[in-house]
Amino acid sequence: METQNVTLSLPKELVRKAKIIAVERQTSISGLLKDLLIEAVAQEDRYAAARSRHLEVLHRGMDLGTRGMIRWTREEIHE
């Protein structure tokens, strides 16, 4: 995979804490950010796919076995 450098401006305290987390996970801040971004993009992709599937179901409609015909009255339902 081709990589690209990115410059970030972050608060010093955030960078200090991120360095500690990175050391604990035996990685770098770049590795930590890469993993977080990979997960964020994957989550967004999963959401978009699920949204698309659900919109398709709404568009297509659900077969409730009535074939579009209502064969009961309101009174019958409330009995």
C-alpha atoms as a PDB file:
ATOM      1  CA  MET A   1       0.000   0.000   0.000  1.00  0.00           C
ATOM      2  CA  GLU A   2       1.374   3.397  -0.968  1.00  0.00           C
ATOM      3  CA  THR A   3       1.724   5.802   1.940  1.00  0.00           C
ATOM      4  CA  GLN A   4       1.444   9.559   2.221  1.00  0.00           C
ATOM      5  CA  ASN A   5       2.827  11.839   4.901  1.00  0.00           C
ATOM      6  CA  VAL A   6       0.342  14.002   6.780  1.00  0.00           C
ATOM      7  CA  THR A   7       1.145  16.922   9.038  1.00  0.00           C
ATOM      8  CA  LEU A   8      -1.003  17.349  12.138  1.00  0.00           C
ATOM      9  CA  SER A   9      -1.165  20.100  14.718  1.00  0.00           C
ATOM     10  CA  LEU A  10      -2.169  18.603  18.050  1.00  0.00           C
ATOM     11  CA  PRO A  11      -2.147  19.881  21.609  1.00  0.00           C
ATOM     12  CA  LYS A  12       1.118  19.042  23.397  1.00  0.00           C
ATOM     13  CA  GLU A  13      -0.627  17.257  26.261  1.00  0.00           C
ATOM     14  CA  LEU A  14      -2.502  15.049  23.796  1.00  0.00           C
ATOM     15  CA  VAL A  15       0.749  14.143  22.032  1.00  0.00           C
ATOM     16  CA  ARG A  16       2.410  13.373  25.381  1.00  0.00           C
ATOM     17  CA  LYS A  17      -0.402  11.000  26.378  1.00  0.00           C
ATOM     18  CA  ALA A  18      -0.512   9.451  22.897  1.00  0.00           C
ATOM     19  CA  LYS A  19       3.222   8.679  23.139  1.00  0.00           C
ATOM     20  CA  ILE A  20       2.626   6.805  26.387  1.00  0.00           C
ATOM     21  CA  ILE A  21      -0.197   4.779  24.840  1.00  0.00           C
ATOM     22  CA  ALA A  22       1.926   4.057  21.773  1.00  0.00           C
ATOM     23  CA  VAL A  23       4.826   2.793  23.920  1.00  0.00           C
ATOM     24  CA  GLU A  24       2.462   0.584  25.922  1.00  0.00           C
ATOM     25  CA  ARG A  25       1.128  -0.907  22.677  1.00  0.00           C
ATOM     26  CA  GLN A  26       4.644  -1.249  21.240  1.00  0.00           C
ATOM     27  CA  THR A  27       3.929   1.031  18.300  1.00  0.00           C
ATOM     28  CA  SER A  28       4.416   4.635  17.262  1.00  0.00           C
ATOM     29  CA  ILE A  29       2.016   7.548  17.246  1.00  0.00           C
ATOM     30  CA  SER A  30       1.800   7.044  13.475  1.00  0.00           C
ATOM     31  CA  GLY A  31       0.918   3.384  14.002  1.00  0.00           C
ATOM     32  CA  LEU A  32      -1.624   4.308  16.645  1.00  0.00           C
ATOM     33  CA  LEU A  33      -3.270   6.889  14.380  1.00  0.00           C
ATOM     34  CA  LYS A  34      -3.182   4.520  11.419  1.00  0.00           C
ATOM     35  CA  ASP A  35      -5.013   1.817  13.400  1.00  0.00           C
ATOM     36  CA  LEU A  36      -7.602   4.316  14.642  1.00  0.00           C
ATOM     37  CA  LEU A  37      -8.202   5.668  11.137  1.00  0.00           C
ATOM     38  CA  ILE A  38      -8.455   2.181   9.651  1.00  0.00           C
ATOM     39  CA  GLU A  39     -11.131   1.323  12.212  1.00  0.00           C
ATOM     40  CA  ALA A  40     -12.993   4.617  11.652  1.00  0.00           C
ATOM     41  CA  VAL A  41     -13.047   4.089   7.873  1.00  0.00           C
ATOM     42  CA  ALA A  42     -14.108   0.436   8.254  1.00  0.00           C
ATOM     43  CA  GLN A  43     -16.916   1.462  10.618  1.00  0.00           C
ATOM     44  CA  GLU A  44     -18.117   4.091   8.157  1.00  0.00           C
ATOM     45  CA  ASP A  45     -18.011   1.536   5.318  1.00  0.00           C
ATOM     46  CA  ARG A  46     -20.044  -0.952   7.397  1.00  0.00           C
ATOM     47  CA  TYR A  47     -22.568   1.763   8.253  1.00  0.00           C
ATOM     48  CA  ALA A  48     -22.919   2.813   4.604  1.00  0.00           C
ATOM     49  CA  ALA A  49     -23.424  -0.806   3.514  1.00  0.00           C
ATOM     50  CA  ALA A  50     -26.027  -1.436   6.234  1.00  0.00           C
ATOM     51  CA  ARG A  51     -27.828   1.810   5.379  1.00  0.00           C
ATOM     52  CA  SER A  52     -27.916   0.843   1.723  1.00  0.00           C
ATOM     53  CA  ARG A  53     -29.319  -2.616   2.540  1.00  0.00           C
ATOM     54  CA  HIS A  54     -31.999  -1.155   4.787  1.00  0.00           C
ATOM     55  CA  LEU A  55     -33.008   1.488   2.263  1.00  0.00           C
ATOM     56  CA  GLU A  56     -33.335  -1.260  -0.353  1.00  0.00           C
ATOM     57  CA  VAL A  57     -35.648  -3.217   1.961  1.00  0.00           C
ATOM     58  CA  LEU A  58     -37.739  -0.089   2.548  1.00  0.00           C
ATOM     59  CA  HIS A  59     -37.885   0.594  -1.188  1.00  0.00           C
ATOM     60  CA  ARG A  60     -38.747  -3.005  -2.043  1.00  0.00           C
ATOM     61  CA  GLY A  61     -41.190  -3.369   0.829  1.00  0.00           C
ATOM     62  CA  MET A  62     -41.915  -6.382   2.968  1.00  0.00           C
ATOM     63  CA  ASP A  63     -44.300  -9.199   2.113  1.00  0.00           C
ATOM     64  CA  LEU A  64     -46.534  -9.574   5.163  1.00  0.00           C
ATOM     65  CA  GLY A  65     -48.584 -12.278   3.497  1.00  0.00           C
ATOM     66  CA  THR A  66     -51.491  -9.964   2.652  1.00  0.00           C
ATOM     67  CA  ARG A  67     -50.592  -9.411  -1.006  1.00  0.00           C
ATOM     68  CA  GLY A  68     -51.683  -5.810  -0.488  1.00  0.00           C
ATOM     69  CA  MET A  69     -55.216  -6.770   0.559  1.00  0.00           C
ATOM     70  CA  ILE A  70     -56.605  -5.911   3.994  1.00  0.00           C
ATOM     71  CA  ARG A  71     -59.042  -8.670   4.915  1.00  0.00           C
ATOM     72  CA  TRP A  72     -59.974  -7.525   8.411  1.00  0.00           C
ATOM     73  CA  THR A  73     -61.683  -4.613  10.025  1.00  0.00           C
ATOM     74  CA  ARG A  74     -60.437  -2.361  12.776  1.00  0.00           C
ATOM     75  CA  GLU A  75     -62.993  -3.897  15.126  1.00  0.00           C
ATOM     76  CA  GLU A  76     -61.722  -7.417  14.423  1.00  0.00           C
ATOM     77  CA  ILE A  77     -58.181  -6.385  15.288  1.00  0.00           C
ATOM     78  CA  HIS A  78     -59.279  -4.898  18.611  1.00  0.00           C
ATOM     79  CA  GLU A  79     -61.287  -7.954  19.702  1.00  0.00           C
END
